[in-house]
Amino acid sequence: MDPLLVITNSDAGTADDERLERALAVLREHCSVEVAATSNPGELDGVLHLAGSRRIVVAGGDGSLHAVVAALHRRHQLPGAVLGLLPLGTGNDFARSTGIPLEPEEAARTVVEGEARPVDLVLDEVGGVVVNSVHVGAGAQASRRGHRWKQRLGAVGVGDLNLGRLGYPIGALLAAFRPPQLRLRVEVDGTVVNDLDRPVLMVAVGNGSRVGGGTPLTPDADVEDGLLDVVVSRAVGPVAKFAYVAQLRRGDHTDRDDVVTVRGRRVTVSGEPFWCSADGEVSGPERHRSWHLERAAYSVVLPR
C-alpha cells in the first residue's frame, strides 16, 4: 500500500489523541505513516505542499475535512485527489452520511481495505466549498448556539465520552424555543420553490444526509448521486415548529405538508437578512447566496 500522510488538528483534545493512536496502530500494520498536525490554513498549506505522492488521510471531524478539501481546491489539486477519513470530530456527519465507521480502528481498516469512489462537492458563488451541507434559518441559529456550547463543554469528558458532542443538540433545543421566521425566495435550477410571501423556518441544501451529529436533515441526500437535496420548511406556526423539530430528529419531517423537498444542481436563496451554516461554519447576515454542485469533484475511500 502507498505511504500515507495523516493530517490532524493540533488543537484536538486528549480524547482525540487516544482515538488517533488506536487508528494509527492499524494503519502502521500495512504501510508507512507520517502524521502532520496543523492548526491554521498556513500550516495546512505547507503540509499539502510537501505531501508528494502520499495519500492524504484526514484525522478529524467535518471541519477538518472541509479545511483539507478547501485547501486542495484553492491549490487546484482537488481533481484526482483521493482522501481517507478517520472521523475523530464531535459531529462526523460526512462519515455518517457515507457509512464510514465511527470507531477509530474500523475507520482505519476502511482506509486500508475500502474503495476510492468519486464524491460530489458544493461550491458557492465566490468559490467557497461545502463538503456536506449548508442550511439557513433555524438550523444556522442552532449551529451558532451549538458552537458556543461545544466550546464550553469540549474540555469536559474522558476518552470517547466528551460533552462537546452535546453542543449541537443543546443549540437545537435553544433554537426551538425562539426560531427565526424568514421571508426568503428559494430557487432550484431556476424554478422558484418558495417566494417571499411564504415565510420559512429553514432551508437546507444537502450533499450529505446528516448534520449536527446525526440529524437526518436531508435524509435522502447522497454524495455520489450528482444532485443536491433541498428541504424548505414552512413550519412557522407555534405548534408546527415544535412538531417539525420532533419529526426532524426521527427523519420523517419531509412527509409534512408544510415541507417542500426538491432536487437539483443549483440553489439560490435571497430575501431578508439570514445566517448560513456551511459544514458547521456560520456566516452572515446575508441577503443573497447561491450554491451549485460539482459532480465527482474528488474521491474518498469508502467502505466496500
Foldseek 3Di string as FASTA:
>chain_A
DFEEEEEEAPPADPLLVVQQVLLVVLLVVPHHYDYDHDHDLVSLLVCVVPCPPHAYEYEEALVRVLSNCQSCVVVVNFAAHEYAYQYSYLARQVCVLQVQDNRSNSSSVLVVPFDKDFFKWKAKPVGRTFRWKKKWWLQLQLLVQLVVVLVVFQVDDDHSDGCSSCSSVVSSVVCLVPTDWFQKFKDAPRHTPHHRVQIFRMKMKGQGQAPSRRQRQQVPHHRQPQKIKMKTASQPDNVSSVVLVVVRNVPCSCVDPRMDIDMHFKMKMADPFIWMAGSSDIDDRDGIMMMGMDHSRHIYGGHD
